[in-house]
mmCIF file of all heavy atoms, coordinates in Angstrom:
data_MODEL
# 
_entry.id   MODEL 
# 
loop_
_atom_site.group_PDB 
_atom_site.id 
_atom_site.type_symbol 
_atom_site.label_atom_id 
_atom_site.label_alt_id 
_atom_site.label_comp_id 
_atom_site.label_asym_id 
_atom_site.label_entity_id 
_atom_site.label_seq_id 
_atom_site.pdbx_PDB_ins_code 
_atom_site.Cartn_x 
_atom_site.Cartn_y 
_atom_site.Cartn_z 
_atom_site.occupancy 
_atom_site.B_iso_or_equiv 
_atom_site.pdbx_formal_charge 
_atom_site.auth_seq_id 
_atom_site.auth_comp_id 
_atom_site.auth_asym_id 
_atom_site.auth_atom_id 
_atom_site.pdbx_PDB_model_num 
ATOM 1   N N   . LEU A 1 1  ? 51.385 12.193 -38.024 1.00 0.00 ? 1  LEU A N   1 
ATOM 2   C CA  . LEU A 1 1  ? 50.616 13.372 -38.444 1.00 0.00 ? 1  LEU A CA  1 
ATOM 3   C C   . LEU A 1 1  ? 50.183 14.119 -37.195 1.00 0.00 ? 1  LEU A C   1 
ATOM 4   O O   . LEU A 1 1  ? 49.627 13.537 -36.261 1.00 0.00 ? 1  LEU A O   1 
ATOM 5   C CB  . LEU A 1 1  ? 49.396 12.937 -39.263 1.00 0.00 ? 1  LEU A CB  1 
ATOM 6   C CG  . LEU A 1 1  ? 48.481 14.031 -39.835 1.00 0.00 ? 1  LEU A CG  1 
ATOM 7   C CD1 . LEU A 1 1  ? 47.782 13.512 -41.098 1.00 0.00 ? 1  LEU A CD1 1 
ATOM 8   C CD2 . LEU A 1 1  ? 47.406 14.479 -38.832 1.00 0.00 ? 1  LEU A CD2 1 
ATOM 9   N N   . ARG A 1 2  ? 50.433 15.421 -37.185 1.00 0.00 ? 2  ARG A N   1 
ATOM 10  C CA  . ARG A 1 2  ? 49.985 16.287 -36.099 1.00 0.00 ? 2  ARG A CA  1 
ATOM 11  C C   . ARG A 1 2  ? 49.423 17.572 -36.696 1.00 0.00 ? 2  ARG A C   1 
ATOM 12  O O   . ARG A 1 2  ? 49.698 17.907 -37.851 1.00 0.00 ? 2  ARG A O   1 
ATOM 13  C CB  . ARG A 1 2  ? 51.142 16.626 -35.141 1.00 0.00 ? 2  ARG A CB  1 
ATOM 14  C CG  . ARG A 1 2  ? 51.754 15.446 -34.422 1.00 0.00 ? 2  ARG A CG  1 
ATOM 15  C CD  . ARG A 1 2  ? 50.747 14.658 -33.586 1.00 0.00 ? 2  ARG A CD  1 
ATOM 16  N NE  . ARG A 1 2  ? 50.093 15.476 -32.599 1.00 0.00 ? 2  ARG A NE  1 
ATOM 17  C CZ  . ARG A 1 2  ? 50.509 15.629 -31.352 1.00 0.00 ? 2  ARG A CZ  1 
ATOM 18  N NH1 . ARG A 1 2  ? 51.627 15.024 -30.953 1.00 0.00 ? 2  ARG A NH1 1 
ATOM 19  N NH2 . ARG A 1 2  ? 49.842 16.375 -30.501 1.00 0.00 ? 2  ARG A NH2 1 
ATOM 20  N N   . THR A 1 3  ? 48.666 18.300 -35.898 1.00 0.00 ? 3  THR A N   1 
ATOM 21  C CA  . THR A 1 3  ? 48.076 19.554 -36.356 1.00 0.00 ? 3  THR A CA  1 
ATOM 22  C C   . THR A 1 3  ? 48.342 20.657 -35.340 1.00 0.00 ? 3  THR A C   1 
ATOM 23  O O   . THR A 1 3  ? 48.482 20.399 -34.141 1.00 0.00 ? 3  THR A O   1 
ATOM 24  C CB  . THR A 1 3  ? 46.555 19.422 -36.561 1.00 0.00 ? 3  THR A CB  1 
ATOM 25  O OG1 . THR A 1 3  ? 45.935 19.084 -35.304 1.00 0.00 ? 3  THR A OG1 1 
ATOM 26  C CG2 . THR A 1 3  ? 46.235 18.358 -37.587 1.00 0.00 ? 3  THR A CG2 1 
ATOM 27  N N   . THR A 1 4  ? 48.383 21.901 -35.832 1.00 0.00 ? 4  THR A N   1 
ATOM 28  C CA  . THR A 1 4  ? 48.514 23.051 -34.955 1.00 0.00 ? 4  THR A CA  1 
ATOM 29  C C   . THR A 1 4  ? 47.124 23.519 -34.536 1.00 0.00 ? 4  THR A C   1 
ATOM 30  O O   . THR A 1 4  ? 46.109 23.097 -35.089 1.00 0.00 ? 4  THR A O   1 
ATOM 31  C CB  . THR A 1 4  ? 49.249 24.198 -35.656 1.00 0.00 ? 4  THR A CB  1 
ATOM 32  O OG1 . THR A 1 4  ? 48.409 24.711 -36.703 1.00 0.00 ? 4  THR A OG1 1 
ATOM 33  C CG2 . THR A 1 4  ? 50.563 23.728 -36.258 1.00 0.00 ? 4  THR A CG2 1 
ATOM 34  N N   . TRP A 1 5  ? 47.090 24.432 -33.586 1.00 0.00 ? 5  TRP A N   1 
ATOM 35  C CA  . TRP A 1 5  ? 45.803 24.972 -33.130 1.00 0.00 ? 5  TRP A CA  1 
ATOM 36  C C   . TRP A 1 5  ? 45.121 25.776 -34.224 1.00 0.00 ? 5  TRP A C   1 
ATOM 37  O O   . TRP A 1 5  ? 43.909 25.930 -34.205 1.00 0.00 ? 5  TRP A O   1 
ATOM 38  C CB  . TRP A 1 5  ? 46.013 25.836 -31.880 1.00 0.00 ? 5  TRP A CB  1 
ATOM 39  C CG  . TRP A 1 5  ? 46.161 25.013 -30.634 1.00 0.00 ? 5  TRP A CG  1 
ATOM 40  C CD1 . TRP A 1 5  ? 47.136 24.098 -30.381 1.00 0.00 ? 5  TRP A CD1 1 
ATOM 41  C CD2 . TRP A 1 5  ? 45.307 25.014 -29.499 1.00 0.00 ? 5  TRP A CD2 1 
ATOM 42  N NE1 . TRP A 1 5  ? 46.948 23.531 -29.144 1.00 0.00 ? 5  TRP A NE1 1 
ATOM 43  C CE2 . TRP A 1 5  ? 45.839 24.080 -28.576 1.00 0.00 ? 5  TRP A CE2 1 
ATOM 44  C CE3 . TRP A 1 5  ? 44.172 25.724 -29.149 1.00 0.00 ? 5  TRP A CE3 1 
ATOM 45  C CZ2 . TRP A 1 5  ? 45.246 23.831 -27.342 1.00 0.00 ? 5  TRP A CZ2 1 
ATOM 46  C CZ3 . TRP A 1 5  ? 43.584 25.491 -27.914 1.00 0.00 ? 5  TRP A CZ3 1 
ATOM 47  C CH2 . TRP A 1 5  ? 44.105 24.546 -27.021 1.00 0.00 ? 5  TRP A CH2 1 
ATOM 48  N N   . GLU A 1 6  ? 45.897 26.271 -35.166 1.00 0.00 ? 6  GLU A N   1 
ATOM 49  C CA  . GLU A 1 6  ? 45.334 27.049 -36.266 1.00 0.00 ? 6  GLU A CA  1 
ATOM 50  C C   . GLU A 1 6  ? 44.880 26.160 -37.425 1.00 0.00 ? 6  GLU A C   1 
ATOM 51  O O   . GLU A 1 6  ? 44.293 26.644 -38.383 1.00 0.00 ? 6  GLU A O   1 
ATOM 52  C CB  . GLU A 1 6  ? 46.367 28.062 -36.765 1.00 0.00 ? 6  GLU A CB  1 
ATOM 53  C CG  . GLU A 1 6  ? 46.695 29.165 -35.761 1.00 0.00 ? 6  GLU A CG  1 
ATOM 54  C CD  . GLU A 1 6  ? 47.593 28.677 -34.628 1.00 0.00 ? 6  GLU A CD  1 
ATOM 55  O OE1 . GLU A 1 6  ? 48.277 27.635 -34.791 1.00 0.00 ? 6  GLU A OE1 1 
ATOM 56  O OE2 . GLU A 1 6  ? 47.614 29.340 -33.559 1.00 0.00 ? 6  GLU A OE2 1 
ATOM 57  N N   . GLY A 1 7  ? 45.166 24.866 -37.362 1.00 0.00 ? 7  GLY A N   1 
ATOM 58  C CA  . GLY A 1 7  ? 44.693 23.936 -38.380 1.00 0.00 ? 7  GLY A CA  1 
ATOM 59  C C   . GLY A 1 7  ? 45.717 23.517 -39.403 1.00 0.00 ? 7  GLY A C   1 
ATOM 60  O O   . GLY A 1 7  ? 45.404 22.756 -40.325 1.00 0.00 ? 7  GLY A O   1 
ATOM 61  N N   . THR A 1 8  ? 46.972 24.000 -39.282 1.00 0.00 ? 8  THR A N   1 
ATOM 62  C CA  . THR A 1 8  ? 48.018 23.551 -40.188 1.00 0.00 ? 8  THR A CA  1 
ATOM 63  C C   . THR A 1 8  ? 48.326 22.084 -39.912 1.00 0.00 ? 8  THR A C   1 
ATOM 64  O O   . THR A 1 8  ? 48.347 21.647 -38.758 1.00 0.00 ? 8  THR A O   1 
ATOM 65  C CB  . THR A 1 8  ? 49.282 24.398 -40.004 1.00 0.00 ? 8  THR A CB  1 
ATOM 66  O OG1 . THR A 1 8  ? 48.965 25.771 -40.246 1.00 0.00 ? 8  THR A OG1 1 
ATOM 67  C CG2 . THR A 1 8  ? 50.370 23.974 -40.961 1.00 0.00 ? 8  THR A CG2 1 
ATOM 68  N N   . ILE A 1 9  ? 48.565 21.315 -40.970 1.00 0.00 ? 9  ILE A N   1 
ATOM 69  C CA  . ILE A 1 9  ? 48.792 19.875 -40.847 1.00 0.00 ? 9  ILE A CA  1 
ATOM 70  C C   . ILE A 1 9  ? 50.270 19.585 -41.058 1.00 0.00 ? 9  ILE A C   1 
ATOM 71  O O   . ILE A 1 9  ? 50.848 19.950 -42.081 1.00 0.00 ? 9  ILE A O   1 
ATOM 72  C CB  . ILE A 1 9  ? 47.941 19.102 -41.874 1.00 0.00 ? 9  ILE A CB  1 
ATOM 73  C CG1 . ILE A 1 9  ? 46.452 19.458 -41.710 1.00 0.00 ? 9  ILE A CG1 1 
ATOM 74  C CG2 . ILE A 1 9  ? 48.150 17.595 -41.720 1.00 0.00 ? 9  ILE A CG2 1 
ATOM 75  C CD1 . ILE A 1 9  ? 45.584 18.942 -42.852 1.00 0.00 ? 9  ILE A CD1 1 
ATOM 76  N N   . TRP A 1 10 ? 50.896 18.931 -40.089 1.00 0.00 ? 10 TRP A N   1 
ATOM 77  C CA  . TRP A 1 10 ? 52.289 18.517 -40.183 1.00 0.00 ? 10 TRP A CA  1 
ATOM 78  C C   . TRP A 1 10 ? 52.319 17.017 -40.456 1.00 0.00 ? 10 TRP A C   1 
ATOM 79  O O   . TRP A 1 10 ? 51.849 16.223 -39.643 1.00 0.00 ? 10 TRP A O   1 
ATOM 80  C CB  . TRP A 1 10 ? 53.038 18.837 -38.890 1.00 0.00 ? 10 TRP A CB  1 
ATOM 81  C CG  . TRP A 1 10 ? 53.279 20.305 -38.663 1.00 0.00 ? 10 TRP A CG  1 
ATOM 82  C CD1 . TRP A 1 10 ? 52.409 21.327 -38.887 1.00 0.00 ? 10 TRP A CD1 1 
ATOM 83  C CD2 . TRP A 1 10 ? 54.467 20.903 -38.154 1.00 0.00 ? 10 TRP A CD2 1 
ATOM 84  N NE1 . TRP A 1 10 ? 52.976 22.530 -38.558 1.00 0.00 ? 10 TRP A NE1 1 
ATOM 85  C CE2 . TRP A 1 10 ? 54.244 22.299 -38.094 1.00 0.00 ? 10 TRP A CE2 1 
ATOM 86  C CE3 . TRP A 1 10 ? 55.699 20.400 -37.737 1.00 0.00 ? 10 TRP A CE3 1 
ATOM 87  C CZ2 . TRP A 1 10 ? 55.203 23.187 -37.640 1.00 0.00 ? 10 TRP A CZ2 1 
ATOM 88  C CZ3 . TRP A 1 10 ? 56.653 21.286 -37.270 1.00 0.00 ? 10 TRP A CZ3 1 
ATOM 89  C CH2 . TRP A 1 10 ? 56.418 22.672 -37.232 1.00 0.00 ? 10 TRP A CH2 1 
ATOM 90  N N   . VAL A 1 11 ? 52.882 16.646 -41.604 1.00 0.00 ? 11 VAL A N   1 
ATOM 91  C CA  . VAL A 1 11 ? 52.923 15.248 -42.027 1.00 0.00 ? 11 VAL A CA  1 
ATOM 92  C C   . VAL A 1 11 ? 54.367 14.774 -42.003 1.00 0.00 ? 11 VAL A C   1 
ATOM 93  O O   . VAL A 1 11 ? 55.208 15.275 -42.757 1.00 0.00 ? 11 VAL A O   1 
ATOM 94  C CB  . VAL A 1 11 ? 52.339 15.079 -43.449 1.00 0.00 ? 11 VAL A CB  1 
ATOM 95  C CG1 . VAL A 1 11 ? 52.362 13.609 -43.857 1.00 0.00 ? 11 VAL A CG1 1 
ATOM 96  C CG2 . VAL A 1 11 ? 50.915 15.638 -43.513 1.00 0.00 ? 11 VAL A CG2 1 
ATOM 97  N N   . GLN A 1 12 ? 54.668 13.815 -41.146 1.00 0.00 ? 12 GLN A N   1 
ATOM 98  C CA  . GLN A 1 12 ? 56.022 13.286 -41.066 1.00 0.00 ? 12 GLN A CA  1 
ATOM 99  C C   . GLN A 1 12 ? 56.165 12.092 -42.000 1.00 0.00 ? 12 GLN A C   1 
ATOM 100 O O   . GLN A 1 12 ? 55.402 11.132 -41.941 1.00 0.00 ? 12 GLN A O   1 
ATOM 101 C CB  . GLN A 1 12 ? 56.368 12.871 -39.634 1.00 0.00 ? 12 GLN A CB  1 
ATOM 102 C CG  . GLN A 1 12 ? 57.788 12.363 -39.484 1.00 0.00 ? 12 GLN A CG  1 
ATOM 103 C CD  . GLN A 1 12 ? 58.162 12.060 -38.052 1.00 0.00 ? 12 GLN A CD  1 
ATOM 104 O OE1 . GLN A 1 12 ? 57.479 12.485 -37.127 1.00 0.00 ? 12 GLN A OE1 1 
ATOM 105 N NE2 . GLN A 1 12 ? 59.244 11.326 -37.852 1.00 0.00 ? 12 GLN A NE2 1 
ATOM 106 N N   . ARG A 1 13 ? 57.178 12.164 -42.883 1.00 0.00 ? 13 ARG A N   1 
ATOM 107 C CA  . ARG A 1 13 ? 57.478 11.066 -43.798 1.00 0.00 ? 13 ARG A CA  1 
ATOM 108 C C   . ARG A 1 13 ? 58.670 10.267 -43.287 1.00 0.00 ? 13 ARG A C   1 
ATOM 109 O O   . ARG A 1 13 ? 59.581 10.823 -42.668 1.00 0.00 ? 13 ARG A O   1 
ATOM 110 C CB  . ARG A 1 13 ? 57.823 11.613 -45.189 1.00 0.00 ? 13 ARG A CB  1 
ATOM 111 C CG  . ARG A 1 13 ? 56.665 12.216 -45.935 1.00 0.00 ? 13 ARG A CG  1 
ATOM 112 C CD  . ARG A 1 13 ? 57.110 12.629 -47.334 1.00 0.00 ? 13 ARG A CD  1 
ATOM 113 N NE  . ARG A 1 13 ? 57.679 13.974 -47.382 1.00 0.00 ? 13 ARG A NE  1 
ATOM 114 C CZ  . ARG A 1 13 ? 58.770 14.305 -48.024 1.00 0.00 ? 13 ARG A CZ  1 
ATOM 115 N NH1 . ARG A 1 13 ? 59.473 13.388 -48.653 1.00 0.00 ? 13 ARG A NH1 1 
ATOM 116 N NH2 . ARG A 1 13 ? 59.195 15.558 -48.039 1.00 0.00 ? 13 ARG A NH2 1 
ATOM 117 N N   . TRP A 1 14 ? 58.647 8.964  -43.562 1.00 0.00 ? 14 TRP A N   1 
ATOM 118 C CA  . TRP A 1 14 ? 59.777 8.125  -43.224 1.00 0.00 ? 14 TRP A CA  1 
ATOM 119 C C   . TRP A 1 14 ? 60.958 8.427  -44.137 1.00 0.00 ? 14 TRP A C   1 
ATOM 120 O O   . TRP A 1 14 ? 60.795 8.968  -45.231 1.00 0.00 ? 14 TRP A O   1 
ATOM 121 C CB  . TRP A 1 14 ? 59.408 6.647  -43.360 1.00 0.00 ? 14 TRP A CB  1 
ATOM 122 C CG  . TRP A 1 14 ? 58.602 6.147  -42.212 1.00 0.00 ? 14 TRP A CG  1 
ATOM 123 C CD1 . TRP A 1 14 ? 57.249 6.203  -42.057 1.00 0.00 ? 14 TRP A CD1 1 
ATOM 124 C CD2 . TRP A 1 14 ? 59.107 5.507  -41.043 1.00 0.00 ? 14 TRP A CD2 1 
ATOM 125 N NE1 . TRP A 1 14 ? 56.881 5.642  -40.868 1.00 0.00 ? 14 TRP A NE1 1 
ATOM 126 C CE2 . TRP A 1 14 ? 57.994 5.201  -40.217 1.00 0.00 ? 14 TRP A CE2 1 
ATOM 127 C CE3 . TRP A 1 14 ? 60.387 5.148  -40.615 1.00 0.00 ? 14 TRP A CE3 1 
ATOM 128 C CZ2 . TRP A 1 14 ? 58.134 4.565  -38.989 1.00 0.00 ? 14 TRP A CZ2 1 
ATOM 129 C CZ3 . TRP A 1 14 ? 60.520 4.516  -39.379 1.00 0.00 ? 14 TRP A CZ3 1 
ATOM 130 C CH2 . TRP A 1 14 ? 59.406 4.233  -38.588 1.00 0.00 ? 14 TRP A CH2 1 
ATOM 131 N N   . GLY A 1 15 ? 62.159 8.025  -43.700 1.00 0.00 ? 15 GLY A N   1 
ATOM 132 C CA  . GLY A 1 15 ? 63.361 8.164  -44.507 1.00 0.00 ? 15 GLY A CA  1 
ATOM 133 C C   . GLY A 1 15 ? 63.408 7.117  -45.597 1.00 0.00 ? 15 GLY A C   1 
ATOM 134 O O   . GLY A 1 15 ? 62.446 6.375  -45.831 1.00 0.00 ? 15 GLY A O   1 
ATOM 135 N N   . SER A 1 16 ? 64.542 7.025  -46.258 1.00 0.00 ? 16 SER A N   1 
ATOM 136 C CA  . SER A 1 16 ? 64.638 6.188  -47.456 1.00 0.00 ? 16 SER A CA  1 
ATOM 137 C C   . SER A 1 16 ? 64.919 4.717  -47.159 1.00 0.00 ? 16 SER A C   1 
ATOM 138 O O   . SER A 1 16 ? 64.936 3.907  -48.079 1.00 0.00 ? 16 SER A O   1 
ATOM 139 C CB  . SER A 1 16 ? 65.727 6.737  -48.379 1.00 0.00 ? 16 SER A CB  1 
ATOM 140 O OG  . SER A 1 16 ? 66.965 6.800  -47.692 1.00 0.00 ? 16 SER A OG  1 
ATOM 141 N N   . ASP A 1 17 ? 65.157 4.333  -45.888 1.00 0.00 ? 17 ASP A N   1 
ATOM 142 C CA  . ASP A 1 17 ? 65.426 2.941  -45.546 1.00 0.00 ? 17 ASP A CA  1 
ATOM 143 C C   . ASP A 1 17 ? 64.148 2.255  -45.095 1.00 0.00 ? 17 ASP A C   1 
ATOM 144 O O   . ASP A 1 17 ? 63.656 2.510  -43.997 1.00 0.00 ? 17 ASP A O   1 
ATOM 145 C CB  . ASP A 1 17 ? 66.470 2.859  -44.434 1.00 0.00 ? 17 ASP A CB  1 
ATOM 146 C CG  . ASP A 1 17 ? 66.792 1.420  -44.047 1.00 0.00 ? 17 ASP A CG  1 
ATOM 147 O OD1 . ASP A 1 17 ? 66.344 0.497  -44.768 1.00 0.00 ? 17 ASP A OD1 1 
ATOM 148 O OD2 . ASP A 1 17 ? 67.483 1.224  -43.039 1.00 0.00 ? 17 ASP A OD2 1 
ATOM 149 N N   . PRO A 1 18 ? 63.582 1.347  -45.895 1.00 0.00 ? 18 PRO A N   1 
ATOM 150 C CA  . PRO A 1 18 ? 62.330 0.691  -45.509 1.00 0.00 ? 18 PRO A CA  1 
ATOM 151 C C   . PRO A 1 18 ? 62.448 -0.157 -44.248 1.00 0.00 ? 18 PRO A C   1 
ATOM 152 O O   . PRO A 1 18 ? 61.457 -0.369 -43.552 1.00 0.00 ? 18 PRO A O   1 
ATOM 153 C CB  . PRO A 1 18 ? 62.001 -0.192 -46.725 1.00 0.00 ? 18 PRO A CB  1 
ATOM 154 C CG  . PRO A 1 18 ? 62.781 0.375  -47.849 1.00 0.00 ? 18 PRO A CG  1 
ATOM 155 C CD  . PRO A 1 18 ? 64.026 0.938  -47.242 1.00 0.00 ? 18 PRO A CD  1 
ATOM 156 N N   . LEU A 1 19 ? 63.647 -0.645 -43.928 1.00 0.00 ? 19 LEU A N   1 
ATOM 157 C CA  . LEU A 1 19 ? 63.787 -1.515 -42.764 1.00 0.00 ? 19 LEU A CA  1 
ATOM 158 C C   . LEU A 1 19 ? 63.627 -0.758 -41.445 1.00 0.00 ? 19 LEU A C   1 
ATOM 159 O O   . LEU A 1 19 ? 63.471 -1.375 -40.395 1.00 0.00 ? 19 LEU A O   1 
ATOM 160 C CB  . LEU A 1 19 ? 65.141 -2.221 -42.805 1.00 0.00 ? 19 LEU A CB  1 
ATOM 161 C CG  . LEU A 1 19 ? 65.356 -3.166 -44.007 1.00 0.00 ? 19 LEU A CG  1 
ATOM 162 C CD1 . LEU A 1 19 ? 66.659 -3.919 -43.853 1.00 0.00 ? 19 LEU A CD1 1 
ATOM 163 C CD2 . LEU A 1 19 ? 64.189 -4.127 -44.146 1.00 0.00 ? 19 LEU A CD2 1 
ATOM 164 N N   . ALA A 1 20 ? 63.673 0.569  -41.482 1.00 0.00 ? 20 ALA A N   1 
ATOM 165 C CA  . ALA A 1 20 ? 63.396 1.334  -40.262 1.00 0.00 ? 20 ALA A CA  1 
ATOM 166 C C   . ALA A 1 20 ? 61.986 1.048  -39.765 1.00 0.00 ? 20 ALA A C   1 
ATOM 167 O O   . ALA A 1 20 ? 61.716 1.078  -38.561 1.00 0.00 ? 20 ALA A O   1 
ATOM 168 C CB  . ALA A 1 20 ? 63.577 2.823  -40.530 1.00 0.00 ? 20 ALA A CB  1 
ATOM 169 N N   . GLN A 1 21 ? 61.058 0.773  -40.697 1.00 0.00 ? 21 GLN A N   1 
ATOM 170 C CA  . GLN A 1 21 ? 59.694 0.446  -40.315 1.00 0.00 ? 21 GLN A CA  1 
ATOM 171 C C   . GLN A 1 21 ? 59.639 -0.883 -39.566 1.00 0.00 ? 21 GLN A C   1 
ATOM 172 O O   . GLN A 1 21 ? 58.905 -1.035 -38.602 1.00 0.00 ? 21 GLN A O   1 
ATOM 173 C CB  . GLN A 1 21 ? 58.802 0.390  -41.552 1.00 0.00 ? 21 GLN A CB  1 
ATOM 174 C CG  . GLN A 1 21 ? 57.353 0.068  -41.264 1.00 0.00 ? 21 GLN A CG  1 
ATOM 175 C CD  . GLN A 1 21 ? 56.991 -1.385 -41.575 1.00 0.00 ? 21 GLN A CD  1 
ATOM 176 O OE1 . GLN A 1 21 ? 57.805 -2.145 -42.069 1.00 0.00 ? 21 GLN A OE1 1 
ATOM 177 N NE2 . GLN A 1 21 ? 55.763 -1.747 -41.286 1.00 0.00 ? 21 GLN A NE2 1 
ATOM 178 N N   . ILE A 1 22 ? 60.440 -1.854 -40.000 1.00 0.00 ? 22 ILE A N   1 
ATOM 179 C CA  . ILE A 1 22 ? 60.471 -3.155 -39.344 1.00 0.00 ? 22 ILE A CA  1 
ATOM 180 C C   . ILE A 1 22 ? 60.990 -3.013 -37.922 1.00 0.00 ? 22 ILE A C   1 
ATOM 181 O O   . ILE A 1 22 ? 60.446 -3.600 -36.977 1.00 0.00 ? 22 ILE A O   1 
ATOM 182 C CB  . ILE A 1 22 ? 61.336 -4.139 -40.145 1.00 0.00 ? 22 ILE A CB  1 
ATOM 183 C CG1 . ILE A 1 22 ? 60.773 -4.319 -41.557 1.00 0.00 ? 22 ILE A CG1 1 
ATOM 184 C CG2 . ILE A 1 22 ? 61.442 -5.480 -39.429 1.00 0.00 ? 22 ILE A CG2 1 
ATOM 185 C CD1 . ILE A 1 22 ? 59.361 -4.861 -41.612 1.00 0.00 ? 22 ILE A CD1 1 
ATOM 186 N N   . GLU A 1 23 ? 62.025 -2.221 -37.735 1.00 0.00 ? 23 GLU A N   1 
ATOM 187 C CA  . GLU A 1 23 ? 62.554 -1.977 -36.389 1.00 0.00 ? 23 GLU A CA  1 
ATOM 188 C C   . GLU A 1 23 ? 61.514 -1.307 -35.507 1.00 0.00 ? 23 GLU A C   1 
ATOM 189 O O   . GLU A 1 23 ? 61.380 -1.621 -34.327 1.00 0.00 ? 23 GLU A O   1 
ATOM 190 C CB  . GLU A 1 23 ? 63.814 -1.116 -36.472 1.00 0.00 ? 23 GLU A CB  1 
ATOM 191 C CG  . GLU A 1 23 ? 64.990 -1.794 -37.146 1.00 0.00 ? 23 GLU A CG  1 
ATOM 192 C CD  . GLU A 1 23 ? 66.210 -0.903 -37.182 1.00 0.00 ? 23 GLU A CD  1 
ATOM 193 O OE1 . GLU A 1 23 ? 66.135 0.220  -36.625 1.00 0.00 ? 23 GLU A OE1 1 
ATOM 194 O OE2 . GLU A 1 23 ? 67.229 -1.313 -37.759 1.00 0.00 ? 23 GLU A OE2 1 
ATOM 195 N N   . ALA A 1 24 ? 60.768 -0.376 -36.072 1.00 0.00 ? 24 ALA A N   1 
ATOM 196 C CA  . ALA A 1 24 ? 59.763 0.344  -35.293 1.00 0.00 ? 24 ALA A CA  1 
ATOM 197 C C   . ALA A 1 24 ? 58.635 -0.581 -34.868 1.00 0.00 ? 24 ALA A C   1 
ATOM 198 O O   . ALA A 1 24 ? 58.129 -0.475 -33.755 1.00 0.00 ? 24 ALA A O   1 
ATOM 199 C CB  . ALA A 1 24 ? 59.201 1.503  -36.112 1.00 0.00 ? 24 ALA A CB  1 
ATOM 200 N N   . GLN A 1 25 ? 58.216 -1.501 -35.733 1.00 0.00 ? 25 GLN A N   1 
ATOM 201 C CA  . GLN A 1 25 ? 57.139 -2.421 -35.386 1.00 0.00 ? 25 GLN A CA  1 
ATOM 202 C C   . GLN A 1 25 ? 57.508 -3.292 -34.202 1.00 0.00 ? 25 GLN A C   1 
ATOM 203 O O   . GLN A 1 25 ? 56.687 -3.561 -33.340 1.00 0.00 ? 25 GLN A O   1 
ATOM 204 C CB  . GLN A 1 25 ? 56.796 -3.321 -36.574 1.00 0.00 ? 25 GLN A CB  1 
ATOM 205 C CG  . GLN A 1 25 ? 55.933 -2.658 -37.627 1.00 0.00 ? 25 GLN A CG  1 
ATOM 206 C CD  . GLN A 1 25 ? 55.454 -3.663 -38.668 1.00 0.00 ? 25 GLN A CD  1 
ATOM 207 O OE1 . GLN A 1 25 ? 56.125 -4.644 -38.962 1.00 0.00 ? 25 GLN A OE1 1 
ATOM 208 N NE2 . GLN A 1 25 ? 54.293 -3.404 -39.216 1.00 0.00 ? 25 GLN A NE2 1 
ATOM 209 N N   . ALA A 1 26 ? 58.750 -3.779 -34.169 1.00 0.00 ? 26 ALA A N   1 
ATOM 210 C CA  . ALA A 1 26 ? 59.130 -4.765 -33.176 1.00 0.00 ? 26 ALA A CA  1 
ATOM 211 C C   . ALA A 1 26 ? 59.963 -4.199 -32.038 1.00 0.00 ? 26 ALA A C   1 
ATOM 212 O O   . ALA A 1 26 ? 60.473 -4.960 -31.235 1.00 0.00 ? 26 ALA A O   1 
ATOM 213 C CB  . ALA A 1 26 ? 59.900 -5.901 -33.856 1.00 0.00 ? 26 ALA A CB  1 
ATOM 214 N N   . ALA A 1 27 ? 60.114 -2.885 -31.972 1.00 0.00 ? 27 ALA A N   1 
ATOM 215 C CA  . ALA A 1 27 ? 60.920 -2.290 -30.904 1.00 0.00 ? 27 ALA A CA  1 
ATOM 216 C C   . ALA A 1 27 ? 60.345 -2.643 -29.547 1.00 0.00 ? 27 ALA A C   1 
ATOM 217 O O   . ALA A 1 27 ? 59.152 -2.473 -29.310 1.00 0.00 ? 27 ALA A O   1 
ATOM 218 C CB  . ALA A 1 27 ? 60.976 -0.771 -31.060 1.00 0.00 ? 27 ALA A CB  1 
ATOM 219 N N   . PRO A 1 28 ? 61.141 -3.159 -28.605 1.00 0.00 ? 28 PRO A N   1 
ATOM 220 C CA  . PRO A 1 28 ? 60.631 -3.548 -27.297 1.00 0.00 ? 28 PRO A CA  1 
ATOM 221 C C   . PRO A 1 28 ? 59.910 -2.439 -26.565 1.00 0.00 ? 28 PRO A C   1 
ATOM 222 O O   . PRO A 1 28 ? 58.949 -2.659 -25.859 1.00 0.00 ? 28 PRO A O   1 
ATOM 223 C CB  . PRO A 1 28 ? 61.904 -3.985 -26.539 1.00 0.00 ? 28 PRO A CB  1 
ATOM 224 C CG  . PRO A 1 28 ? 62.856 -4.397 -27.614 1.00 0.00 ? 28 PRO A CG  1 
ATOM 225 C CD  . PRO A 1 28 ? 62.560 -3.481 -28.774 1.00 0.00 ? 28 PRO A CD  1 
# 
């Protein structure tokens, strides 16, 4: 989640593969 200086909120969603989260947790 990030915001612009004007207050707009950018929300990044993960893709459809749940295992990408597992890779992200343990990435060296």
